[in-house]
Amino acid sequence: MKTFRQVTLCSAVCVAALSLSACSGMSAQEKNTLIGTGTGAVAGSVLTGGSTLGTVGGAAVGGYIGNQVVKPHD
């Protein structure tokens, strides 16, 4: 079971890295939101033992924090 979690986590990180390569036209705020969402989802899943609610909650919190890191200059 521990090996399955490690493989799942590694796969999630690899998918996130590959999907970010398609984001060359995004602003810094959009990139940070996406990175925060992915990181939060992984962290929420790990911290709650794979709970769906923990994963979704982590993604929401991570996305919000990532969005707030860089504010656009108007």
N, C-alpha and C. Protein backbone atom coordinates (compact mmCIF):
# COMPACT_ATOMS: atom_id res chain seq x y z
N MET A 1 0.82 -1.19 0.00
CA MET A 1 0.00 0.00 0.00
C MET A 1 0.86 1.26 0.00
N LYS A 2 1.98 1.22 0.73
CA LYS A 2 2.87 2.37 0.79
C LYS A 2 3.49 2.61 -0.59
N THR A 3 3.86 1.57 -1.28
CA THR A 3 4.44 1.69 -2.61
C THR A 3 3.42 2.28 -3.58
N PHE A 4 2.17 1.89 -3.46
CA PHE A 4 1.11 2.42 -4.32
C PHE A 4 0.98 3.92 -4.13
N ARG A 5 1.03 4.39 -2.90
CA ARG A 5 0.93 5.83 -2.63
C ARG A 5 2.13 6.57 -3.21
N GLN A 6 3.31 5.99 -3.11
CA GLN A 6 4.50 6.63 -3.66
C GLN A 6 4.42 6.73 -5.18
N VAL A 7 3.93 5.68 -5.82
CA VAL A 7 3.78 5.69 -7.27
C VAL A 7 2.72 6.71 -7.67
N THR A 8 1.63 6.76 -6.92
CA THR A 8 0.57 7.72 -7.22
C THR A 8 1.08 9.15 -7.07
N LEU A 9 1.79 9.43 -6.00
CA LEU A 9 2.33 10.76 -5.78
C LEU A 9 3.33 11.15 -6.87
N CYS A 10 4.20 10.24 -7.22
CA CYS A 10 5.17 10.49 -8.28
C CYS A 10 4.47 10.74 -9.62
N SER A 11 3.45 9.97 -9.90
CA SER A 11 2.69 10.15 -11.13
C SER A 11 2.00 11.51 -11.16
N ALA A 12 1.43 11.91 -10.04
CA ALA A 12 0.76 13.21 -9.97
C ALA A 12 1.74 14.35 -10.20
N VAL A 13 2.91 14.25 -9.62
CA VAL A 13 3.93 15.29 -9.81
C VAL A 13 4.38 15.33 -11.27
N CYS A 14 4.57 14.19 -11.90
CA CYS A 14 4.98 14.15 -13.30
C CYS A 14 3.91 14.73 -14.22
N VAL A 15 2.65 14.39 -13.96
CA VAL A 15 1.55 14.94 -14.76
C VAL A 15 1.49 16.45 -14.60
N ALA A 16 1.65 16.93 -13.37
CA ALA A 16 1.63 18.37 -13.13
C ALA A 16 2.77 19.06 -13.87
N ALA A 17 3.95 18.49 -13.84
CA ALA A 17 5.10 19.08 -14.53
C ALA A 17 4.88 19.12 -16.04
N LEU A 18 4.34 18.06 -16.60
CA LEU A 18 4.08 18.03 -18.03
C LEU A 18 2.98 19.00 -18.43
N SER A 19 1.96 19.12 -17.62
CA SER A 19 0.87 20.02 -17.96
C SER A 19 1.29 21.48 -17.84
N LEU A 20 2.25 21.77 -16.98
CA LEU A 20 2.72 23.14 -16.86
C LEU A 20 3.53 23.58 -18.08
N SER A 21 4.09 22.64 -18.81
CA SER A 21 4.86 23.00 -20.00
C SER A 21 3.95 23.58 -21.08
N ALA A 22 2.66 23.36 -20.99
CA ALA A 22 1.71 23.89 -21.97
C ALA A 22 1.20 25.28 -21.58
N CYS A 23 1.76 25.86 -20.55
CA CYS A 23 1.25 27.12 -19.99
C CYS A 23 2.14 28.31 -20.33
N SER A 24 2.80 28.30 -21.45
CA SER A 24 3.75 29.36 -21.77
C SER A 24 3.07 30.70 -22.00
N GLY A 25 1.81 30.72 -22.38
CA GLY A 25 1.11 31.97 -22.64
C GLY A 25 0.38 32.52 -21.43
N MET A 26 0.54 31.92 -20.28
CA MET A 26 -0.18 32.35 -19.09
C MET A 26 0.57 33.46 -18.36
N SER A 27 -0.21 34.27 -17.63
CA SER A 27 0.41 35.30 -16.79
C SER A 27 1.00 34.64 -15.55
N ALA A 28 1.80 35.40 -14.81
CA ALA A 28 2.42 34.86 -13.59
C ALA A 28 1.36 34.48 -12.58
N GLN A 29 0.29 35.25 -12.49
CA GLN A 29 -0.77 34.95 -11.53
C GLN A 29 -1.50 33.66 -11.91
N GLU A 30 -1.75 33.47 -13.19
CA GLU A 30 -2.40 32.24 -13.63
C GLU A 30 -1.52 31.02 -13.38
N LYS A 31 -0.23 31.15 -13.63
CA LYS A 31 0.69 30.04 -13.38
C LYS A 31 0.75 29.71 -11.90
N ASN A 32 0.82 30.73 -11.06
CA ASN A 32 0.87 30.49 -9.61
C ASN A 32 -0.41 29.86 -9.10
N THR A 33 -1.55 30.24 -9.67
CA THR A 33 -2.82 29.63 -9.27
C THR A 33 -2.82 28.15 -9.62
N LEU A 34 -2.36 27.81 -10.81
CA LEU A 34 -2.30 26.41 -11.23
C LEU A 34 -1.33 25.60 -10.39
N ILE A 35 -0.17 26.17 -10.12
CA ILE A 35 0.82 25.47 -9.29
C ILE A 35 0.28 25.28 -7.88
N GLY A 36 -0.34 26.31 -7.34
CA GLY A 36 -0.92 26.22 -6.00
C GLY A 36 -2.02 25.17 -5.91
N THR A 37 -2.84 25.09 -6.95
CA THR A 37 -3.92 24.10 -6.97
C THR A 37 -3.35 22.68 -6.97
N GLY A 38 -2.38 22.43 -7.82
CA GLY A 38 -1.77 21.10 -7.88
C GLY A 38 -1.06 20.72 -6.59
N THR A 39 -0.29 21.65 -6.07
CA THR A 39 0.44 21.40 -4.82
C THR A 39 -0.53 21.19 -3.66
N GLY A 40 -1.56 22.01 -3.60
CA GLY A 40 -2.55 21.87 -2.53
C GLY A 40 -3.30 20.55 -2.61
N ALA A 41 -3.61 20.11 -3.82
CA ALA A 41 -4.31 18.84 -3.98
C ALA A 41 -3.45 17.67 -3.50
N VAL A 42 -2.18 17.69 -3.87
CA VAL A 42 -1.28 16.62 -3.44
C VAL A 42 -1.10 16.66 -1.93
N ALA A 43 -0.88 17.86 -1.39
CA ALA A 43 -0.68 17.99 0.06
C ALA A 43 -1.94 17.58 0.83
N GLY A 44 -3.09 18.00 0.35
CA GLY A 44 -4.34 17.63 1.01
C GLY A 44 -4.58 16.13 0.99
N SER A 45 -4.24 15.51 -0.12
CA SER A 45 -4.40 14.07 -0.22
C SER A 45 -3.46 13.33 0.72
N VAL A 46 -2.22 13.78 0.77
CA VAL A 46 -1.24 13.13 1.63
C VAL A 46 -1.60 13.32 3.10
N LEU A 47 -1.98 14.53 3.47
CA LEU A 47 -2.28 14.83 4.87
C LEU A 47 -3.54 14.13 5.39
N THR A 48 -4.48 13.83 4.49
CA THR A 48 -5.73 13.19 4.93
C THR A 48 -5.79 11.72 4.54
N GLY A 49 -4.69 11.17 4.10
CA GLY A 49 -4.66 9.75 3.77
C GLY A 49 -5.43 9.40 2.51
N GLY A 50 -5.51 10.31 1.56
CA GLY A 50 -6.19 10.03 0.30
C GLY A 50 -7.66 10.38 0.28
N SER A 51 -8.12 11.11 1.27
CA SER A 51 -9.52 11.51 1.33
C SER A 51 -9.87 12.44 0.17
N THR A 52 -11.01 12.22 -0.45
CA THR A 52 -11.45 13.08 -1.55
C THR A 52 -11.68 14.50 -1.06
N LEU A 53 -12.30 14.63 0.09
CA LEU A 53 -12.56 15.96 0.65
C LEU A 53 -11.26 16.68 0.95
N GLY A 54 -10.28 15.97 1.47
CA GLY A 54 -8.97 16.57 1.75
C GLY A 54 -8.27 17.01 0.48
N THR A 55 -8.39 16.22 -0.57
CA THR A 55 -7.76 16.56 -1.84
C THR A 55 -8.40 17.79 -2.46
N VAL A 56 -9.73 17.81 -2.49
CA VAL A 56 -10.44 18.95 -3.06
C VAL A 56 -10.23 20.21 -2.21
N GLY A 57 -10.28 20.05 -0.90
CA GLY A 57 -10.04 21.19 -0.01
C GLY A 57 -8.63 21.73 -0.16
N GLY A 58 -7.65 20.86 -0.26
CA GLY A 58 -6.27 21.28 -0.46
C GLY A 58 -6.09 22.00 -1.78
N ALA A 59 -6.76 21.52 -2.82
CA ALA A 59 -6.68 22.17 -4.13
C ALA A 59 -7.28 23.57 -4.07
N ALA A 60 -8.41 23.71 -3.40
CA ALA A 60 -9.06 25.02 -3.29
C ALA A 60 -8.19 26.01 -2.51
N VAL A 61 -7.67 25.58 -1.39
CA VAL A 61 -6.83 26.46 -0.57
C VAL A 61 -5.53 26.79 -1.31
N GLY A 62 -4.91 25.80 -1.91
CA GLY A 62 -3.67 26.03 -2.66
C GLY A 62 -3.87 26.95 -3.84
N GLY A 63 -4.98 26.79 -4.55
CA GLY A 63 -5.28 27.67 -5.68
C GLY A 63 -5.49 29.10 -5.26
N TYR A 64 -6.18 29.29 -4.15
CA TYR A 64 -6.41 30.64 -3.63
C TYR A 64 -5.09 31.30 -3.21
N ILE A 65 -4.27 30.56 -2.49
CA ILE A 65 -2.98 31.10 -2.07
C ILE A 65 -2.10 31.40 -3.27
N GLY A 66 -2.05 30.51 -4.23
CA GLY A 66 -1.27 30.74 -5.44
C GLY A 66 -1.74 31.96 -6.21
N ASN A 67 -3.05 32.17 -6.24
CA ASN A 67 -3.62 33.32 -6.93
C ASN A 67 -3.25 34.62 -6.24
N GLN A 68 -3.12 34.61 -4.94
CA GLN A 68 -2.85 35.83 -4.18
C GLN A 68 -1.38 36.17 -4.08
N VAL A 69 -0.49 35.26 -4.48
CA VAL A 69 0.95 35.50 -4.34
C VAL A 69 1.38 36.67 -5.22
N VAL A 70 0.95 36.71 -6.45
CA VAL A 70 1.33 37.78 -7.39
C VAL A 70 0.06 38.50 -7.82
N LYS A 71 -0.03 39.76 -7.46
CA LYS A 71 -1.17 40.57 -7.88
C LYS A 71 -0.79 41.30 -9.16
N PRO A 72 -1.73 41.38 -10.11
CA PRO A 72 -1.44 42.11 -11.36
C PRO A 72 -1.31 43.61 -11.09
N HIS A 73 -0.45 44.26 -11.85
CA HIS A 73 -0.26 45.70 -11.70
C HIS A 73 -1.20 46.42 -12.65
N ASP A 74 -2.14 47.14 -12.10
CA ASP A 74 -3.11 47.89 -12.94
C ASP A 74 -2.71 49.32 -13.08
